[in-house]
Amino acid sequence: MLKKLGSILFIAYALSVLCGCDPVTLHKVTSTIFDGVPSLPPAEQLCQEYQATKAEDEKKKDNVKLASDAAASGSSHLPYREKRCNACHDKTQDSGLIKPKAQLCFVCHPKIIKGSMAHGPAAVGSCLECHEPHSSNYPALMKAEKGKLCAGCHQEKRLALAMHQKVSSNGMFCMDCHDPHGGASAYFLR
């Protein structure tokens, strides 16, 4: 009885150890010990499954790394992050871009201007006046922090100077009230 129990425990231990092995080794061992173990699928199928699993694991690792890199650096453009350079770039064109520079961003962002009025740079496709094309230390690929970006161009006296000073002293930014791309109302008010 003790000998039979020892054999069963040994087989159970061996199987538990082998569960971590690759499918071929596991099949060899189990088919040696047991009768009626089904045959393995063709080698090509095992290789395809292995490659698919490996590719999926690599993609997950890359996505985690890209997400942590983007968080550390502010923001990055999704096609750039995913190394899909051809989404914007075309080496066969003189410009090196799939569309003229003023039309390029509208390929993926056709409805970025909401309303009948457009902010000057957005209206003419000068997105790079405010945004970096690949990555930025600031959110939304901005070239500067929220509180300083608009002031780079807009140095004119504010119509409602007292209100603007009060709002900004309370930690609000231009983009909290104004849509930087355009809108349906004057001054692109949200």
C-alpha atoms as a PDB file:
ATOM      1  CA  MET A   1       0.000   0.000   0.000  1.00  0.00           C
ATOM      2  CA  LEU A   2       2.795   2.417   0.930  1.00  0.00           C
ATOM      3  CA  LYS A   3       4.632   1.549  -2.309  1.00  0.00           C
ATOM      4  CA  LYS A   4       1.506   2.257  -4.400  1.00  0.00           C
ATOM      5  CA  LEU A   5       0.952   5.596  -2.616  1.00  0.00           C
ATOM      6  CA  GLY A   6       4.610   6.531  -3.235  1.00  0.00           C
ATOM      7  CA  SER A   7       4.228   5.749  -6.960  1.00  0.00           C
ATOM      8  CA  ILE A   8       1.090   7.852  -7.222  1.00  0.00           C
ATOM      9  CA  LEU A   9       2.758  10.755  -5.391  1.00  0.00           C
ATOM     10  CA  PHE A  10       5.816  10.486  -7.649  1.00  0.00           C
ATOM     11  CA  ILE A  11       3.660  10.550 -10.797  1.00  0.00           C
ATOM     12  CA  ALA A  12       1.656  13.502  -9.462  1.00  0.00           C
ATOM     13  CA  TYR A  13       4.879  15.352  -8.609  1.00  0.00           C
ATOM     14  CA  ALA A  14       6.397  14.592 -12.020  1.00  0.00           C
ATOM     15  CA  LEU A  15       3.266  15.835 -13.797  1.00  0.00           C
ATOM     16  CA  SER A  16       3.146  19.023 -11.736  1.00  0.00           C
ATOM     17  CA  VAL A  17       6.793  19.726 -12.566  1.00  0.00           C
ATOM     18  CA  LEU A  18       6.215  18.998 -16.237  1.00  0.00           C
ATOM     19  CA  CYS A  19       3.262  21.360 -16.497  1.00  0.00           C
ATOM     20  CA  GLY A  20       5.804  24.160 -16.763  1.00  0.00           C
ATOM     21  CA  CYS A  21       7.547  22.449 -19.692  1.00  0.00           C
ATOM     22  CA  ASP A  22       6.959  23.125 -23.331  1.00  0.00           C
ATOM     23  CA  PRO A  23       4.127  21.165 -25.015  1.00  0.00           C
ATOM     24  CA  VAL A  24       6.452  18.725 -26.821  1.00  0.00           C
ATOM     25  CA  THR A  25       8.280  17.637 -23.649  1.00  0.00           C
ATOM     26  CA  LEU A  26       5.025  17.403 -21.738  1.00  0.00           C
ATOM     27  CA  HIS A  27       3.533  15.213 -24.486  1.00  0.00           C
ATOM     28  CA  LYS A  28       6.591  12.902 -24.525  1.00  0.00           C
ATOM     29  CA  VAL A  29       6.419  12.333 -20.781  1.00  0.00           C
ATOM     30  CA  THR A  30       2.656  11.930 -20.503  1.00  0.00           C
ATOM     31  CA  SER A  31       2.457   9.589 -23.518  1.00  0.00           C
ATOM     32  CA  THR A  32       5.220   7.462 -21.939  1.00  0.00           C
ATOM     33  CA  ILE A  33       3.348   7.172 -18.646  1.00  0.00           C
ATOM     34  CA  PHE A  34      -0.259   7.029 -19.881  1.00  0.00           C
ATOM     35  CA  ASP A  35      -2.062   5.292 -22.726  1.00  0.00           C
ATOM     36  CA  GLY A  36      -4.431   7.173 -25.025  1.00  0.00           C
ATOM     37  CA  VAL A  37      -2.735  10.590 -24.869  1.00  0.00           C
ATOM     38  CA  PRO A  38      -3.854  12.467 -28.017  1.00  0.00           C
ATOM     39  CA  SER A  39      -1.172  13.257 -30.582  1.00  0.00           C
ATOM     40  CA  LEU A  40       0.280  16.734 -30.893  1.00  0.00           C
ATOM     41  CA  PRO A  41      -0.896  19.121 -33.617  1.00  0.00           C
ATOM     42  CA  PRO A  42       1.466  19.611 -36.587  1.00  0.00           C
ATOM     43  CA  ALA A  43       4.721  21.442 -35.805  1.00  0.00           C
ATOM     44  CA  GLU A  44       3.717  24.416 -37.980  1.00  0.00           C
ATOM     45  CA  GLN A  45       0.660  25.009 -35.816  1.00  0.00           C
ATOM     46  CA  LEU A  46       2.706  24.835 -32.596  1.00  0.00           C
ATOM     47  CA  CYS A  47       5.206  27.305 -34.059  1.00  0.00           C
ATOM     48  CA  GLN A  48       2.454  29.693 -35.169  1.00  0.00           C
ATOM     49  CA  GLU A  49       0.809  29.574 -31.751  1.00  0.00           C
ATOM     50  CA  TYR A  50       4.159  30.131 -30.064  1.00  0.00           C
ATOM     51  CA  GLN A  51       5.020  33.054 -32.347  1.00  0.00           C
ATOM     52  CA  ALA A  52       1.590  34.625 -31.826  1.00  0.00           C
ATOM     53  CA  THR A  53       1.893  34.296 -28.048  1.00  0.00           C
ATOM     54  CA  LYS A  54       5.434  35.647 -28.102  1.00  0.00           C
ATOM     55  CA  ALA A  55       4.447  38.583 -30.337  1.00  0.00           C
ATOM     56  CA  GLU A  56       1.496  39.398 -28.077  1.00  0.00           C
ATOM     57  CA  ASP A  57       3.709  39.311 -24.969  1.00  0.00           C
ATOM     58  CA  GLU A  58       6.276  41.575 -26.654  1.00  0.00           C
ATOM     59  CA  LYS A  59       3.563  44.023 -27.709  1.00  0.00           C
ATOM     60  CA  LYS A  60       2.228  44.146 -24.133  1.00  0.00           C
ATOM     61  CA  LYS A  61       5.741  44.828 -22.806  1.00  0.00           C
ATOM     62  CA  ASP A  62       6.275  47.540 -25.437  1.00  0.00           C
ATOM     63  CA  ASN A  63       2.910  49.162 -24.645  1.00  0.00           C
ATOM     64  CA  VAL A  64       3.731  49.234 -20.915  1.00  0.00           C
ATOM     65  CA  LYS A  65       7.146  50.755 -21.668  1.00  0.00           C
ATOM     66  CA  LEU A  66       5.676  53.283 -24.124  1.00  0.00           C
ATOM     67  CA  ALA A  67       2.982  54.263 -21.640  1.00  0.00           C
ATOM     68  CA  SER A  68       5.538  54.772 -18.869  1.00  0.00           C
ATOM     69  CA  ASP A  69       7.826  56.726 -21.236  1.00  0.00           C
ATOM     70  CA  ALA A  70       4.918  58.938 -22.293  1.00  0.00           C
ATOM     71  CA  ALA A  71       3.900  59.525 -18.677  1.00  0.00           C
ATOM     72  CA  ALA A  72       7.462  60.476 -17.767  1.00  0.00           C
ATOM     73  CA  SER A  73       7.863  62.829 -20.714  1.00  0.00           C
ATOM     74  CA  GLY A  74       4.406  64.418 -20.823  1.00  0.00           C
ATOM     75  CA  SER A  75       2.812  63.144 -24.028  1.00  0.00           C
ATOM     76  CA  SER A  76       3.615  61.479 -27.294  1.00  0.00           C
ATOM     77  CA  HIS A  77       1.810  61.164 -30.611  1.00  0.00           C
ATOM     78  CA  LEU A  78       0.226  57.715 -30.917  1.00  0.00           C
ATOM     79  CA  PRO A  79       1.596  56.880 -34.410  1.00  0.00           C
ATOM     80  CA  TYR A  80       5.054  57.948 -33.233  1.00  0.00           C
ATOM     81  CA  ARG A  81       4.731  55.884 -30.047  1.00  0.00           C
ATOM     82  CA  GLU A  82       3.654  52.839 -32.042  1.00  0.00           C
ATOM     83  CA  LYS A  83       6.465  53.400 -34.570  1.00  0.00           C
ATOM     84  CA  ARG A  84       3.940  53.879 -37.389  1.00  0.00           C
ATOM     85  CA  CYS A  85       5.973  56.568 -39.121  1.00  0.00           C
ATOM     86  CA  ASN A  86       4.265  55.893 -42.460  1.00  0.00           C
ATOM     87  CA  ALA A  87       1.024  57.244 -41.004  1.00  0.00           C
ATOM     88  CA  CYS A  88       2.491  60.726 -41.601  1.00  0.00           C
ATOM     89  CA  HIS A  89       5.733  60.244 -43.511  1.00  0.00           C
ATOM     90  CA  ASP A  90       6.245  59.198 -47.150  1.00  0.00           C
ATOM     91  CA  LYS A  91       9.852  59.007 -48.317  1.00  0.00           C
ATOM     92  CA  THR A  92       8.762  59.059 -51.966  1.00  0.00           C
ATOM     93  CA  GLN A  93       7.448  62.626 -51.626  1.00  0.00           C
ATOM     94  CA  ASP A  94       9.745  65.658 -51.764  1.00  0.00           C
ATOM     95  CA  SER A  95       8.230  66.955 -48.516  1.00  0.00           C
ATOM     96  CA  GLY A  96       8.659  63.569 -46.850  1.00  0.00           C
ATOM     97  CA  LEU A  97       5.005  63.724 -45.759  1.00  0.00           C
ATOM     98  CA  ILE A  98       1.883  61.925 -47.000  1.00  0.00           C
ATOM     99  CA  LYS A  99       0.063  65.282 -47.408  1.00  0.00           C
ATOM    100  CA  PRO A 100       1.213  68.909 -47.525  1.00  0.00           C
ATOM    101  CA  LYS A 101       2.226  70.147 -44.079  1.00  0.00           C
ATOM    102  CA  ALA A 102      -0.874  72.376 -43.755  1.00  0.00           C
ATOM    103  CA  GLN A 103      -3.198  69.393 -44.402  1.00  0.00           C
ATOM    104  CA  LEU A 104      -1.331  66.621 -42.605  1.00  0.00           C
ATOM    105  CA  CYS A 105      -2.936  66.764 -39.146  1.00  0.00           C
ATOM    106  CA  PHE A 106      -6.431  66.878 -40.670  1.00  0.00           C
ATOM    107  CA  VAL A 107      -5.909  63.386 -42.117  1.00  0.00           C
ATOM    108  CA  CYS A 108      -6.481  61.891 -38.656  1.00  0.00           C
ATOM    109  CA  HIS A 109      -8.086  64.911 -36.949  1.00  0.00           C
ATOM    110  CA  PRO A 110     -10.641  66.134 -39.535  1.00  0.00           C
ATOM    111  CA  LYS A 111     -13.092  67.527 -36.972  1.00  0.00           C
ATOM    112  CA  ILE A 112     -10.639  69.262 -34.652  1.00  0.00           C
ATOM    113  CA  ILE A 113     -12.224  72.637 -35.464  1.00  0.00           C
ATOM    114  CA  LYS A 114     -15.740  72.620 -34.073  1.00  0.00           C
ATOM    115  CA  GLY A 115     -17.921  75.475 -35.245  1.00  0.00           C
ATOM    116  CA  SER A 116     -17.785  78.085 -37.943  1.00  0.00           C
ATOM    117  CA  MET A 117     -14.918  80.132 -36.467  1.00  0.00           C
ATOM    118  CA  ALA A 118     -11.363  78.855 -36.457  1.00  0.00           C
ATOM    119  CA  HIS A 119      -8.314  80.002 -34.529  1.00  0.00           C
ATOM    120  CA  GLY A 120      -5.727  81.341 -36.974  1.00  0.00           C
ATOM    121  CA  PRO A 121      -3.062  78.625 -36.732  1.00  0.00           C
ATOM    122  CA  ALA A 122      -5.662  75.824 -36.739  1.00  0.00           C
ATOM    123  CA  ALA A 123      -7.495  77.380 -39.692  1.00  0.00           C
ATOM    124  CA  VAL A 124      -4.411  77.283 -41.918  1.00  0.00           C
ATOM    125  CA  GLY A 125      -3.066  73.967 -40.631  1.00  0.00           C
ATOM    126  CA  SER A 126      -0.177  75.483 -38.677  1.00  0.00           C
ATOM    127  CA  CYS A 127      -0.630  72.976 -35.880  1.00  0.00           C
ATOM    128  CA  LEU A 128       3.098  73.001 -35.150  1.00  0.00           C
ATOM    129  CA  GLU A 129       2.829  76.574 -33.882  1.00  0.00           C
ATOM    130  CA  CYS A 130       1.392  75.123 -30.667  1.00  0.00           C
ATOM    131  CA  HIS A 131       2.066  71.367 -30.860  1.00  0.00           C
ATOM    132  CA  GLU A 132       5.113  69.139 -31.226  1.00  0.00           C
ATOM    133  CA  PRO A 133       4.702  66.445 -33.890  1.00  0.00           C
ATOM    134  CA  HIS A 134       6.245  63.505 -32.011  1.00  0.00           C
ATOM    135  CA  SER A 135       6.522  64.003 -28.247  1.00  0.00           C
ATOM    136  CA  SER A 136       6.418  66.757 -25.681  1.00  0.00           C
ATOM    137  CA  ASN A 137       7.092  67.373 -22.014  1.00  0.00           C
ATOM    138  CA  TYR A 138       3.569  68.799 -21.803  1.00  0.00           C
ATOM    139  CA  PRO A 139       0.090  67.287 -22.258  1.00  0.00           C
ATOM    140  CA  ALA A 140      -1.530  67.182 -25.723  1.00  0.00           C
ATOM    141  CA  LEU A 141       1.904  67.530 -27.374  1.00  0.00           C
ATOM    142  CA  MET A 142       1.917  71.234 -26.484  1.00  0.00           C
ATOM    143  CA  LYS A 143       5.118  73.225 -26.971  1.00  0.00           C
ATOM    144  CA  ALA A 144       4.807  74.957 -23.612  1.00  0.00           C
ATOM    145  CA  GLU A 145       2.859  74.611 -20.396  1.00  0.00           C
ATOM    146  CA  LYS A 146      -0.799  75.652 -20.369  1.00  0.00           C
ATOM    147  CA  GLY A 147      -0.196  78.985 -18.693  1.00  0.00           C
ATOM    148  CA  LYS A 148       2.466  80.129 -21.151  1.00  0.00           C
ATOM    149  CA  LEU A 149       1.481  78.693 -24.524  1.00  0.00           C
ATOM    150  CA  CYS A 150      -1.125  81.286 -25.558  1.00  0.00           C
ATOM    151  CA  ALA A 151       0.935  84.209 -24.272  1.00  0.00           C
ATOM    152  CA  GLY A 152       3.655  83.340 -26.781  1.00  0.00           C
ATOM    153  CA  CYS A 153       1.508  84.883 -29.539  1.00  0.00           C
ATOM    154  CA  HIS A 154      -1.303  86.720 -27.740  1.00  0.00           C
ATOM    155  CA  GLN A 155       0.393  89.712 -26.181  1.00  0.00           C
ATOM    156  CA  GLU A 156      -2.376  92.204 -26.975  1.00  0.00           C
ATOM    157  CA  LYS A 157      -4.283  93.837 -24.147  1.00  0.00           C
ATOM    158  CA  ARG A 158      -7.188  91.651 -22.981  1.00  0.00           C
ATOM    159  CA  LEU A 159     -10.653  93.119 -23.535  1.00  0.00           C
ATOM    160  CA  ALA A 160     -11.771  92.033 -20.077  1.00  0.00           C
ATOM    161  CA  LEU A 161      -8.397  92.520 -18.390  1.00  0.00           C
ATOM    162  CA  ALA A 162      -9.669  92.469 -14.777  1.00  0.00           C
ATOM    163  CA  MET A 163     -11.645  89.265 -15.347  1.00  0.00           C
ATOM    164  CA  HIS A 164      -8.696  87.562 -17.081  1.00  0.00           C
ATOM    165  CA  GLN A 165      -6.352  88.524 -14.239  1.00  0.00           C
ATOM    166  CA  LYS A 166      -8.791  87.238 -11.625  1.00  0.00           C
ATOM    167  CA  VAL A 167      -9.358  83.960 -13.485  1.00  0.00           C
ATOM    168  CA  SER A 168      -5.642  83.334 -14.004  1.00  0.00           C
ATOM    169  CA  SER A 169      -4.851  84.198 -10.374  1.00  0.00           C
ATOM    170  CA  ASN A 170      -7.258  81.397  -9.402  1.00  0.00           C
ATOM    171  CA  GLY A 171      -5.245  78.853 -11.387  1.00  0.00           C
ATOM    172  CA  MET A 172      -7.329  78.797 -14.541  1.00  0.00           C
ATOM    173  CA  PHE A 173      -5.837  78.893 -18.017  1.00  0.00           C
ATOM    174  CA  CYS A 174      -6.952  80.279 -21.376  1.00  0.00           C
ATOM    175  CA  MET A 175      -7.969  76.798 -22.561  1.00  0.00           C
ATOM    176  CA  ASP A 176     -10.338  76.376 -19.629  1.00  0.00           C
ATOM    177  CA  CYS A 177     -12.663  78.968 -21.218  1.00  0.00           C
ATOM    178  CA  HIS A 178     -11.512  79.117 -24.857  1.00  0.00           C
ATOM    179  CA  ASP A 179     -11.264  76.279 -27.371  1.00  0.00           C
ATOM    180  CA  PRO A 180      -7.778  76.725 -28.871  1.00  0.00           C
ATOM    181  CA  HIS A 181      -8.858  75.332 -32.258  1.00  0.00           C
ATOM    182  CA  GLY A 182     -12.087  77.260 -32.884  1.00  0.00           C
ATOM    183  CA  GLY A 183     -15.741  77.301 -32.061  1.00  0.00           C
ATOM    184  CA  ALA A 184     -19.207  78.609 -32.790  1.00  0.00           C
ATOM    185  CA  SER A 185     -18.954  81.742 -30.649  1.00  0.00           C
ATOM    186  CA  ALA A 186     -16.787  84.841 -30.659  1.00  0.00           C
ATOM    187  CA  TYR A 187     -13.430  84.375 -28.957  1.00  0.00           C
ATOM    188  CA  PHE A 188     -13.980  80.603 -29.167  1.00  0.00           C
ATOM    189  CA  LEU A 189     -15.680  80.536 -25.785  1.00  0.00           C
ATOM    190  CA  ARG A 190     -16.647  77.075 -24.639  1.00  0.00           C
END
